[in-house]
Amino acid sequence: MTDVGERSTRVLKSILRRLVRDDWQMTAERQRLIAEALGRKPETILEIDVGYDFAVAIVDDDWVFRFPRRSGVEEALELETLLLPALAPPLPVLVPSFDLGPEHLLVRDGRLVGVIDWGDTRIGDPALDHAWLLNGPFADWEVDPDLRRRARFYHRLAPWYEAHYGVFTNQPANIERGVAGINDRL
């Protein structure tokens, strides 16, 4: 494992042991954990997002720190932390996130600079990640016709996933959006 991978794993385990919270705020404890992980005090901490599972901060424009917001997500974060450093040497290679959407794209000055939330990564069909991209902001991308066909299929299924996720997590807004999307795509 790379030096960065080993440090990431140490940081992750430290955070998971001490810091599962339901609120998102850059507490003194979180600042201390970030400084401990970096081996120095960070210059900037930008709190950028709160998802269902994690709160996210960009530190010194180079590091992304994710803090669990609820119990039960530690295993996915551990898998992600172990998987991504192992994938770095052969990159670029396409590894589907299986949860790619606008809320997981980090954009700075109009350019894509990163993708967060790889907790659902599995070996599978990359067309799933292309479902939103090819049926939304990048409809004109030139891709293999079979990839486009599969992406269209997954795009039609997406509202079903959103409705299911809403039921599973007891989030009525997701259920409503999912049902509306199902009706639009029937």
N, C-alpha and C. Protein backbone atom coordinates (compact mmCIF):
# COMPACT_ATOMS: atom_id res chain seq x y z
N MET A 1 0.84 -1.18 0.00
CA MET A 1 0.00 0.00 0.00
C MET A 1 0.88 1.24 0.00
N THR A 2 0.44 2.26 -0.69
CA THR A 2 1.23 3.48 -0.77
C THR A 2 1.24 4.21 0.56
N ASP A 3 2.19 5.13 0.70
CA ASP A 3 2.28 5.94 1.90
C ASP A 3 0.98 6.71 2.13
N VAL A 4 0.43 7.29 1.04
CA VAL A 4 -0.82 8.03 1.14
C VAL A 4 -1.95 7.08 1.55
N GLY A 5 -1.97 5.88 0.96
CA GLY A 5 -3.00 4.91 1.29
C GLY A 5 -2.95 4.49 2.75
N GLU A 6 -1.74 4.26 3.26
CA GLU A 6 -1.59 3.89 4.67
C GLU A 6 -2.06 5.02 5.57
N ARG A 7 -1.68 6.25 5.24
CA ARG A 7 -2.10 7.39 6.05
C ARG A 7 -3.60 7.58 5.98
N SER A 8 -4.20 7.40 4.78
CA SER A 8 -5.65 7.51 4.64
C SER A 8 -6.36 6.49 5.50
N THR A 9 -5.84 5.27 5.50
CA THR A 9 -6.46 4.21 6.30
C THR A 9 -6.38 4.55 7.78
N ARG A 10 -5.22 5.03 8.24
CA ARG A 10 -5.06 5.41 9.64
C ARG A 10 -6.03 6.53 10.01
N VAL A 11 -6.13 7.53 9.15
CA VAL A 11 -7.02 8.66 9.40
C VAL A 11 -8.45 8.18 9.48
N LEU A 12 -8.84 7.38 8.51
CA LEU A 12 -10.21 6.87 8.47
C LEU A 12 -10.56 6.14 9.75
N LYS A 13 -9.71 5.22 10.16
CA LYS A 13 -10.02 4.44 11.36
C LYS A 13 -10.08 5.32 12.59
N SER A 14 -9.22 6.32 12.66
CA SER A 14 -9.24 7.25 13.77
C SER A 14 -10.54 8.03 13.80
N ILE A 15 -10.96 8.52 12.64
CA ILE A 15 -12.19 9.29 12.56
C ILE A 15 -13.39 8.42 12.88
N LEU A 16 -13.42 7.22 12.34
CA LEU A 16 -14.57 6.35 12.57
C LEU A 16 -14.72 5.97 14.03
N ARG A 17 -13.60 5.78 14.71
CA ARG A 17 -13.68 5.41 16.13
C ARG A 17 -14.23 6.55 16.98
N ARG A 18 -13.95 7.78 16.59
CA ARG A 18 -14.25 8.89 17.49
C ARG A 18 -15.31 9.86 17.01
N LEU A 19 -15.81 9.69 15.79
CA LEU A 19 -16.51 10.84 15.23
C LEU A 19 -17.72 10.50 14.37
N VAL A 20 -18.64 9.72 14.85
CA VAL A 20 -19.89 9.53 14.13
C VAL A 20 -20.89 10.50 14.75
N ARG A 21 -21.34 11.48 13.95
CA ARG A 21 -22.23 12.52 14.45
C ARG A 21 -23.38 12.72 13.49
N ASP A 22 -24.47 13.31 13.98
CA ASP A 22 -25.61 13.60 13.14
C ASP A 22 -25.64 15.04 12.64
N ASP A 23 -24.76 15.88 13.13
CA ASP A 23 -24.76 17.28 12.72
C ASP A 23 -23.52 17.55 11.88
N TRP A 24 -23.54 18.66 11.15
CA TRP A 24 -22.37 19.02 10.35
C TRP A 24 -21.90 20.38 10.79
N GLN A 25 -20.79 20.36 11.45
CA GLN A 25 -20.14 21.61 11.80
C GLN A 25 -18.66 21.30 11.99
N MET A 26 -17.83 22.25 11.62
CA MET A 26 -16.40 22.05 11.74
C MET A 26 -16.03 22.31 13.20
N THR A 27 -16.13 21.26 13.96
CA THR A 27 -15.85 21.36 15.39
C THR A 27 -14.35 21.40 15.64
N ALA A 28 -13.99 21.77 16.83
CA ALA A 28 -12.58 21.78 17.21
C ALA A 28 -12.01 20.37 17.11
N GLU A 29 -12.80 19.37 17.44
CA GLU A 29 -12.35 17.97 17.35
C GLU A 29 -12.07 17.59 15.90
N ARG A 30 -12.93 17.99 14.98
CA ARG A 30 -12.70 17.70 13.57
C ARG A 30 -11.46 18.43 13.06
N GLN A 31 -11.27 19.67 13.47
CA GLN A 31 -10.08 20.42 13.08
C GLN A 31 -8.82 19.72 13.60
N ARG A 32 -8.89 19.23 14.84
CA ARG A 32 -7.76 18.53 15.43
C ARG A 32 -7.46 17.24 14.67
N LEU A 33 -8.51 16.49 14.29
CA LEU A 33 -8.31 15.25 13.54
C LEU A 33 -7.70 15.52 12.16
N ILE A 34 -8.15 16.59 11.52
CA ILE A 34 -7.57 16.95 10.22
C ILE A 34 -6.10 17.32 10.38
N ALA A 35 -5.79 18.12 11.39
CA ALA A 35 -4.39 18.51 11.63
C ALA A 35 -3.54 17.28 11.94
N GLU A 36 -4.09 16.35 12.71
CA GLU A 36 -3.37 15.12 13.03
C GLU A 36 -3.10 14.31 11.76
N ALA A 37 -4.10 14.21 10.89
CA ALA A 37 -3.94 13.45 9.64
C ALA A 37 -2.89 14.08 8.72
N LEU A 38 -2.88 15.41 8.67
CA LEU A 38 -1.94 16.11 7.80
C LEU A 38 -0.55 16.25 8.42
N GLY A 39 -0.49 16.14 9.73
CA GLY A 39 0.79 16.36 10.42
C GLY A 39 1.10 17.83 10.59
N ARG A 40 0.08 18.67 10.41
CA ARG A 40 0.25 20.13 10.53
C ARG A 40 -1.15 20.75 10.60
N LYS A 41 -1.18 22.00 10.98
CA LYS A 41 -2.45 22.73 11.00
C LYS A 41 -2.84 23.09 9.57
N PRO A 42 -4.08 22.82 9.16
CA PRO A 42 -4.49 23.16 7.80
C PRO A 42 -4.60 24.68 7.62
N GLU A 43 -4.33 25.12 6.40
CA GLU A 43 -4.47 26.55 6.10
C GLU A 43 -5.92 26.92 5.83
N THR A 44 -6.63 26.07 5.07
CA THR A 44 -8.04 26.35 4.78
C THR A 44 -8.87 25.08 4.92
N ILE A 45 -10.07 25.26 5.41
CA ILE A 45 -11.04 24.17 5.48
C ILE A 45 -12.34 24.72 4.90
N LEU A 46 -12.78 24.12 3.81
CA LEU A 46 -14.00 24.55 3.14
C LEU A 46 -15.05 23.46 3.32
N GLU A 47 -16.08 23.77 4.11
CA GLU A 47 -17.18 22.82 4.32
C GLU A 47 -18.05 22.88 3.08
N ILE A 48 -18.12 21.76 2.33
CA ILE A 48 -18.78 21.86 1.03
C ILE A 48 -20.11 21.13 0.92
N ASP A 49 -20.34 20.12 1.72
CA ASP A 49 -21.56 19.36 1.47
C ASP A 49 -21.94 18.54 2.68
N VAL A 50 -23.23 18.26 2.78
CA VAL A 50 -23.75 17.33 3.76
C VAL A 50 -24.64 16.36 3.01
N GLY A 51 -24.25 15.11 2.98
CA GLY A 51 -25.07 14.08 2.35
C GLY A 51 -25.79 13.29 3.41
N TYR A 52 -26.49 12.27 2.99
CA TYR A 52 -27.21 11.43 3.94
C TYR A 52 -26.23 10.69 4.84
N ASP A 53 -25.10 10.25 4.25
CA ASP A 53 -24.14 9.45 4.99
C ASP A 53 -22.97 10.25 5.56
N PHE A 54 -22.52 11.29 4.83
CA PHE A 54 -21.28 11.97 5.19
C PHE A 54 -21.39 13.49 5.05
N ALA A 55 -20.58 14.18 5.84
CA ALA A 55 -20.31 15.60 5.64
C ALA A 55 -18.94 15.67 4.99
N VAL A 56 -18.75 16.64 4.10
CA VAL A 56 -17.53 16.70 3.30
C VAL A 56 -16.88 18.08 3.44
N ALA A 57 -15.55 18.07 3.57
CA ALA A 57 -14.78 19.32 3.61
C ALA A 57 -13.56 19.16 2.72
N ILE A 58 -13.20 20.24 2.02
CA ILE A 58 -11.96 20.29 1.25
C ILE A 58 -10.95 21.05 2.09
N VAL A 59 -9.78 20.45 2.26
CA VAL A 59 -8.75 21.03 3.12
C VAL A 59 -7.55 21.41 2.26
N ASP A 60 -7.16 22.66 2.36
CA ASP A 60 -5.99 23.19 1.65
C ASP A 60 -6.03 22.92 0.15
N ASP A 61 -7.22 22.88 -0.41
CA ASP A 61 -7.41 22.66 -1.85
C ASP A 61 -6.83 21.34 -2.36
N ASP A 62 -6.37 20.46 -1.47
CA ASP A 62 -5.73 19.22 -1.90
C ASP A 62 -6.34 17.96 -1.29
N TRP A 63 -7.02 18.09 -0.20
CA TRP A 63 -7.52 16.92 0.53
C TRP A 63 -9.03 17.00 0.67
N VAL A 64 -9.69 15.85 0.58
CA VAL A 64 -11.12 15.76 0.85
C VAL A 64 -11.28 14.91 2.10
N PHE A 65 -11.92 15.48 3.10
CA PHE A 65 -12.20 14.76 4.33
C PHE A 65 -13.70 14.51 4.41
N ARG A 66 -14.06 13.28 4.75
CA ARG A 66 -15.47 12.93 4.90
C ARG A 66 -15.69 12.44 6.31
N PHE A 67 -16.75 12.97 6.92
CA PHE A 67 -17.07 12.63 8.29
C PHE A 67 -18.42 11.91 8.32
N PRO A 68 -18.46 10.69 8.86
CA PRO A 68 -19.74 9.96 8.93
C PRO A 68 -20.78 10.75 9.70
N ARG A 69 -22.02 10.75 9.18
CA ARG A 69 -23.12 11.45 9.84
C ARG A 69 -24.03 10.50 10.59
N ARG A 70 -23.87 9.21 10.34
CA ARG A 70 -24.71 8.23 11.02
C ARG A 70 -23.93 6.93 11.13
N SER A 71 -24.32 6.11 12.07
CA SER A 71 -23.65 4.82 12.20
C SER A 71 -24.10 3.90 11.06
N GLY A 72 -23.29 2.91 10.79
CA GLY A 72 -23.63 1.95 9.75
C GLY A 72 -23.00 2.23 8.41
N VAL A 73 -22.28 3.34 8.25
CA VAL A 73 -21.66 3.66 6.96
C VAL A 73 -20.15 3.45 6.99
N GLU A 74 -19.64 3.04 8.13
CA GLU A 74 -18.20 2.90 8.28
C GLU A 74 -17.62 1.86 7.33
N GLU A 75 -18.31 0.75 7.13
CA GLU A 75 -17.79 -0.32 6.28
C GLU A 75 -17.61 0.17 4.83
N ALA A 76 -18.59 0.92 4.33
CA ALA A 76 -18.48 1.43 2.95
C ALA A 76 -17.32 2.41 2.84
N LEU A 77 -17.12 3.25 3.85
CA LEU A 77 -16.01 4.21 3.82
C LEU A 77 -14.67 3.49 3.93
N GLU A 78 -14.60 2.45 4.76
CA GLU A 78 -13.36 1.68 4.85
C GLU A 78 -13.04 1.02 3.51
N LEU A 79 -14.04 0.45 2.87
CA LEU A 79 -13.83 -0.17 1.56
C LEU A 79 -13.34 0.87 0.55
N GLU A 80 -13.99 2.02 0.54
CA GLU A 80 -13.60 3.09 -0.37
C GLU A 80 -12.16 3.53 -0.12
N THR A 81 -11.80 3.69 1.14
CA THR A 81 -10.47 4.16 1.49
C THR A 81 -9.40 3.15 1.11
N LEU A 82 -9.72 1.87 1.22
CA LEU A 82 -8.76 0.84 0.83
C LEU A 82 -8.71 0.64 -0.68
N LEU A 83 -9.84 0.79 -1.35
CA LEU A 83 -9.93 0.52 -2.78
C LEU A 83 -9.26 1.60 -3.63
N LEU A 84 -9.52 2.86 -3.33
CA LEU A 84 -9.05 3.93 -4.19
C LEU A 84 -7.52 4.01 -4.31
N PRO A 85 -6.74 3.90 -3.22
CA PRO A 85 -5.28 3.92 -3.40
C PRO A 85 -4.78 2.73 -4.24
N ALA A 86 -5.44 1.60 -4.11
CA ALA A 86 -5.03 0.44 -4.91
C ALA A 86 -5.31 0.66 -6.39
N LEU A 87 -6.31 1.47 -6.71
CA LEU A 87 -6.64 1.74 -8.10
C LEU A 87 -5.79 2.84 -8.72
N ALA A 88 -5.14 3.64 -7.89
CA ALA A 88 -4.40 4.79 -8.41
C ALA A 88 -3.30 4.43 -9.41
N PRO A 89 -2.46 3.42 -9.18
CA PRO A 89 -1.38 3.15 -10.14
C PRO A 89 -1.86 2.86 -11.56
N PRO A 90 -2.91 2.05 -11.76
CA PRO A 90 -3.30 1.76 -13.15
C PRO A 90 -4.19 2.82 -13.79
N LEU A 91 -4.51 3.90 -13.07
CA LEU A 91 -5.38 4.90 -13.65
C LEU A 91 -4.73 5.54 -14.85
N PRO A 92 -5.42 5.99 -15.85
CA PRO A 92 -6.88 6.04 -15.84
C PRO A 92 -7.51 4.71 -16.22
N VAL A 93 -8.45 4.31 -15.42
CA VAL A 93 -9.28 3.14 -15.70
C VAL A 93 -10.67 3.49 -15.21
N LEU A 94 -11.68 3.01 -15.87
CA LEU A 94 -13.04 3.36 -15.50
C LEU A 94 -13.54 2.40 -14.44
N VAL A 95 -13.81 2.92 -13.26
CA VAL A 95 -14.39 2.15 -12.17
C VAL A 95 -15.69 2.85 -11.83
N PRO A 96 -16.81 2.21 -12.07
CA PRO A 96 -18.09 2.89 -11.82
C PRO A 96 -18.30 3.18 -10.35
N SER A 97 -18.81 4.37 -10.06
CA SER A 97 -19.13 4.72 -8.68
C SER A 97 -20.50 4.19 -8.30
N PHE A 98 -21.36 3.97 -9.28
CA PHE A 98 -22.74 3.52 -9.10
C PHE A 98 -23.57 4.52 -8.31
N ASP A 99 -23.10 5.73 -8.18
CA ASP A 99 -23.85 6.77 -7.48
C ASP A 99 -23.43 8.13 -8.04
N LEU A 100 -23.19 8.20 -9.34
CA LEU A 100 -22.69 9.43 -9.93
C LEU A 100 -23.84 10.37 -10.25
N GLY A 101 -23.76 11.55 -9.71
CA GLY A 101 -24.77 12.58 -9.96
C GLY A 101 -24.16 13.92 -9.64
N PRO A 102 -24.90 14.98 -9.88
CA PRO A 102 -24.34 16.32 -9.68
C PRO A 102 -23.87 16.59 -8.25
N GLU A 103 -24.52 15.96 -7.28
CA GLU A 103 -24.15 16.20 -5.89
C GLU A 103 -22.81 15.58 -5.52
N HIS A 104 -22.26 14.73 -6.39
CA HIS A 104 -20.98 14.08 -6.10
C HIS A 104 -19.84 14.58 -6.97
N LEU A 105 -20.10 15.59 -7.78
CA LEU A 105 -19.06 16.16 -8.64
C LEU A 105 -18.51 17.42 -8.00
N LEU A 106 -17.20 17.50 -7.87
CA LEU A 106 -16.56 18.70 -7.34
C LEU A 106 -16.11 19.53 -8.53
N VAL A 107 -16.62 20.75 -8.61
CA VAL A 107 -16.33 21.63 -9.74
C VAL A 107 -15.72 22.91 -9.19
N ARG A 108 -14.64 23.33 -9.81
CA ARG A 108 -13.99 24.59 -9.43
C ARG A 108 -13.70 25.35 -10.71
N ASP A 109 -14.12 26.60 -10.75
CA ASP A 109 -13.91 27.46 -11.92
C ASP A 109 -14.43 26.80 -13.20
N GLY A 110 -15.58 26.13 -13.09
CA GLY A 110 -16.21 25.52 -14.25
C GLY A 110 -15.57 24.23 -14.74
N ARG A 111 -14.62 23.70 -13.99
CA ARG A 111 -13.93 22.46 -14.39
C ARG A 111 -14.17 21.38 -13.36
N LEU A 112 -14.37 20.15 -13.83
CA LEU A 112 -14.48 19.01 -12.93
C LEU A 112 -13.12 18.74 -12.32
N VAL A 113 -13.05 18.77 -10.98
CA VAL A 113 -11.77 18.54 -10.30
C VAL A 113 -11.79 17.29 -9.43
N GLY A 114 -12.95 16.69 -9.28
CA GLY A 114 -13.00 15.47 -8.48
C GLY A 114 -14.39 14.89 -8.41
N VAL A 115 -14.43 13.66 -7.97
CA VAL A 115 -15.68 12.94 -7.74
C VAL A 115 -15.60 12.37 -6.34
N ILE A 116 -16.64 12.61 -5.55
CA ILE A 116 -16.67 12.11 -4.17
C ILE A 116 -17.73 11.02 -4.06
N ASP A 117 -17.71 10.35 -2.94
CA ASP A 117 -18.67 9.32 -2.56
C ASP A 117 -18.55 8.09 -3.44
N TRP A 118 -17.51 7.34 -3.20
CA TRP A 118 -17.27 6.09 -3.92
C TRP A 118 -17.70 4.89 -3.08
N GLY A 119 -18.52 5.12 -2.06
CA GLY A 119 -18.93 4.05 -1.16
C GLY A 119 -19.76 2.96 -1.81
N ASP A 120 -20.39 3.24 -2.94
CA ASP A 120 -21.19 2.23 -3.64
C ASP A 120 -20.44 1.55 -4.77
N THR A 121 -19.13 1.81 -4.88
CA THR A 121 -18.34 1.25 -5.97
C THR A 121 -18.37 -0.27 -5.96
N ARG A 122 -18.62 -0.82 -7.10
CA ARG A 122 -18.64 -2.27 -7.29
C ARG A 122 -18.12 -2.55 -8.70
N ILE A 123 -17.76 -3.77 -8.95
CA ILE A 123 -17.45 -4.18 -10.31
C ILE A 123 -18.79 -4.32 -11.03
N GLY A 124 -18.93 -3.67 -12.15
CA GLY A 124 -20.21 -3.73 -12.85
C GLY A 124 -20.19 -2.90 -14.12
N ASP A 125 -21.35 -2.62 -14.61
CA ASP A 125 -21.52 -1.95 -15.89
C ASP A 125 -21.29 -0.44 -15.75
N PRO A 126 -20.27 0.10 -16.41
CA PRO A 126 -20.01 1.55 -16.34
C PRO A 126 -21.14 2.38 -16.95
N ALA A 127 -22.02 1.76 -17.70
CA ALA A 127 -23.15 2.50 -18.28
C ALA A 127 -24.04 3.09 -17.19
N LEU A 128 -24.01 2.50 -16.00
CA LEU A 128 -24.82 3.05 -14.91
C LEU A 128 -24.38 4.47 -14.57
N ASP A 129 -23.07 4.71 -14.52
CA ASP A 129 -22.58 6.07 -14.27
C ASP A 129 -22.87 7.00 -15.43
N HIS A 130 -22.94 6.48 -16.63
CA HIS A 130 -23.22 7.31 -17.80
C HIS A 130 -24.71 7.63 -17.94
N ALA A 131 -25.56 6.97 -17.17
CA ALA A 131 -27.01 7.17 -17.31
C ALA A 131 -27.39 8.64 -17.17
N TRP A 132 -26.93 9.28 -16.11
CA TRP A 132 -27.26 10.69 -15.91
C TRP A 132 -26.47 11.57 -16.88
N LEU A 133 -25.18 11.27 -17.04
CA LEU A 133 -24.33 12.11 -17.88
C LEU A 133 -24.84 12.18 -19.32
N LEU A 134 -25.19 11.03 -19.91
CA LEU A 134 -25.59 10.99 -21.32
C LEU A 134 -27.04 11.39 -21.55
N ASN A 135 -27.82 11.43 -20.48
CA ASN A 135 -29.22 11.83 -20.60
C ASN A 135 -29.47 13.15 -19.90
N GLY A 136 -28.42 13.92 -19.74
CA GLY A 136 -28.51 15.22 -19.09
C GLY A 136 -27.46 16.15 -19.65
N PRO A 137 -26.45 16.47 -18.85
CA PRO A 137 -25.53 17.53 -19.24
C PRO A 137 -24.61 17.20 -20.43
N PHE A 138 -24.40 15.93 -20.72
CA PHE A 138 -23.47 15.57 -21.78
C PHE A 138 -24.12 14.66 -22.82
N ALA A 139 -25.32 15.01 -23.23
CA ALA A 139 -26.08 14.20 -24.18
C ALA A 139 -25.38 14.09 -25.54
N ASP A 140 -24.51 15.04 -25.86
CA ASP A 140 -23.83 15.03 -27.16
C ASP A 140 -22.49 14.28 -27.16
N TRP A 141 -22.10 13.73 -26.02
CA TRP A 141 -20.85 12.97 -25.99
C TRP A 141 -20.88 11.86 -27.02
N GLU A 142 -19.77 11.67 -27.68
CA GLU A 142 -19.65 10.55 -28.61
C GLU A 142 -19.19 9.32 -27.82
N VAL A 143 -20.08 8.35 -27.73
CA VAL A 143 -19.77 7.10 -27.03
C VAL A 143 -20.26 5.94 -27.88
N ASP A 144 -19.80 4.78 -27.51
CA ASP A 144 -20.23 3.56 -28.18
C ASP A 144 -21.75 3.45 -28.14
N PRO A 145 -22.40 3.10 -29.26
CA PRO A 145 -23.87 3.01 -29.28
C PRO A 145 -24.43 2.03 -28.23
N ASP A 146 -23.71 0.95 -27.96
CA ASP A 146 -24.20 0.00 -26.96
C ASP A 146 -24.14 0.60 -25.56
N LEU A 147 -23.07 1.36 -25.26
CA LEU A 147 -22.99 2.05 -23.97
C LEU A 147 -24.15 3.04 -23.84
N ARG A 148 -24.45 3.78 -24.89
CA ARG A 148 -25.56 4.74 -24.87
C ARG A 148 -26.89 4.01 -24.63
N ARG A 149 -27.08 2.87 -25.28
CA ARG A 149 -28.32 2.10 -25.12
C ARG A 149 -28.48 1.64 -23.66
N ARG A 150 -27.41 1.10 -23.09
CA ARG A 150 -27.47 0.64 -21.70
C ARG A 150 -27.67 1.81 -20.74
N ALA A 151 -27.01 2.93 -21.02
CA ALA A 151 -27.17 4.12 -20.17
C ALA A 151 -28.62 4.61 -20.20
N ARG A 152 -29.24 4.57 -21.37
CA ARG A 152 -30.65 4.98 -21.49
C ARG A 152 -31.54 4.06 -20.63
N PHE A 153 -31.25 2.76 -20.67
CA PHE A 153 -32.00 1.80 -19.86
C PHE A 153 -31.89 2.15 -18.37
N TYR A 154 -30.65 2.37 -17.89
CA TYR A 154 -30.45 2.71 -16.48
C TYR A 154 -31.08 4.05 -16.13
N HIS A 155 -31.06 4.97 -17.06
CA HIS A 155 -31.67 6.28 -16.82
C HIS A 155 -33.17 6.13 -16.57
N ARG A 156 -33.80 5.24 -17.30
CA ARG A 156 -35.24 5.02 -17.09
C ARG A 156 -35.51 4.37 -15.74
N LEU A 157 -34.54 3.62 -15.22
CA LEU A 157 -34.72 2.97 -13.91
C LEU A 157 -34.41 3.89 -12.73
N ALA A 158 -33.67 4.96 -12.97
CA ALA A 158 -33.20 5.82 -11.87
C ALA A 158 -34.30 6.29 -10.92
N PRO A 159 -35.46 6.72 -11.42
CA PRO A 159 -36.49 7.16 -10.47
C PRO A 159 -36.97 6.05 -9.53
N TRP A 160 -36.92 4.83 -10.00
CA TRP A 160 -37.30 3.70 -9.14
C TRP A 160 -36.32 3.58 -7.98
N TYR A 161 -35.03 3.77 -8.28
CA TYR A 161 -34.03 3.74 -7.22
C TYR A 161 -34.25 4.88 -6.23
N GLU A 162 -34.57 6.07 -6.74
CA GLU A 162 -34.79 7.21 -5.86
C GLU A 162 -35.99 6.99 -4.95
N ALA A 163 -37.07 6.46 -5.51
CA ALA A 163 -38.26 6.17 -4.69
C ALA A 163 -37.93 5.11 -3.64
N HIS A 164 -37.23 4.07 -4.04
CA HIS A 164 -36.84 3.02 -3.09
C HIS A 164 -35.94 3.59 -1.99
N TYR A 165 -34.97 4.42 -2.38
CA TYR A 165 -34.08 5.03 -1.40
C TYR A 165 -34.89 5.88 -0.40
N GLY A 166 -35.87 6.61 -0.90
CA GLY A 166 -36.72 7.41 -0.02
C GLY A 166 -37.49 6.57 0.98
N VAL A 167 -38.00 5.43 0.51
CA VAL A 167 -38.71 4.52 1.42
C VAL A 167 -37.73 3.94 2.43
N PHE A 168 -36.58 3.48 1.95
CA PHE A 168 -35.56 2.84 2.79
C PHE A 168 -35.03 3.78 3.86
N THR A 169 -34.87 5.07 3.53
CA THR A 169 -34.29 6.03 4.46
C THR A 169 -35.33 6.95 5.10
N ASN A 170 -36.60 6.68 4.82
CA ASN A 170 -37.70 7.48 5.37
C ASN A 170 -37.54 8.96 5.02
N GLN A 171 -37.35 9.22 3.72
CA GLN A 171 -37.21 10.59 3.22
C GLN A 171 -38.31 10.83 2.18
N PRO A 172 -39.43 11.40 2.61
CA PRO A 172 -40.57 11.61 1.71
C PRO A 172 -40.25 12.40 0.45
N ALA A 173 -39.32 13.36 0.51
CA ALA A 173 -38.98 14.15 -0.68
C ALA A 173 -38.39 13.26 -1.76
N ASN A 174 -37.57 12.28 -1.37
CA ASN A 174 -37.00 11.35 -2.35
C ASN A 174 -38.10 10.49 -2.96
N ILE A 175 -39.05 10.07 -2.15
CA ILE A 175 -40.16 9.26 -2.66
C ILE A 175 -40.95 10.06 -3.69
N GLU A 176 -41.26 11.31 -3.35
CA GLU A 176 -42.04 12.16 -4.28
C GLU A 176 -41.29 12.39 -5.58
N ARG A 177 -39.99 12.71 -5.49
CA ARG A 177 -39.20 12.91 -6.72
C ARG A 177 -39.13 11.62 -7.54
N GLY A 178 -38.96 10.50 -6.86
CA GLY A 178 -38.89 9.23 -7.54
C GLY A 178 -40.17 8.91 -8.27
N VAL A 179 -41.31 9.08 -7.62
CA VAL A 179 -42.61 8.78 -8.24
C VAL A 179 -42.84 9.74 -9.41
N ALA A 180 -42.51 11.01 -9.25
CA ALA A 180 -42.66 11.96 -10.36
C ALA A 180 -41.79 11.55 -11.55
N GLY A 181 -40.57 11.12 -11.26
CA GLY A 181 -39.69 10.67 -12.33
C GLY A 181 -40.19 9.40 -13.00
N ILE A 182 -40.76 8.51 -12.23
CA ILE A 182 -41.33 7.27 -12.81
C ILE A 182 -42.44 7.66 -13.79
N ASN A 183 -43.31 8.55 -13.36
CA ASN A 183 -44.40 8.99 -14.25
C ASN A 183 -43.88 9.66 -15.51
N ASP A 184 -42.81 10.47 -15.37
CA ASP A 184 -42.24 11.16 -16.54
C ASP A 184 -41.61 10.19 -17.53
N ARG A 185 -41.07 9.10 -17.04
CA ARG A 185 -40.31 8.20 -17.91
C ARG A 185 -41.10 6.98 -18.38
N LEU A 186 -42.35 6.87 -17.96
CA LEU A 186 -43.16 5.73 -18.41
C LEU A 186 -43.58 5.90 -19.87
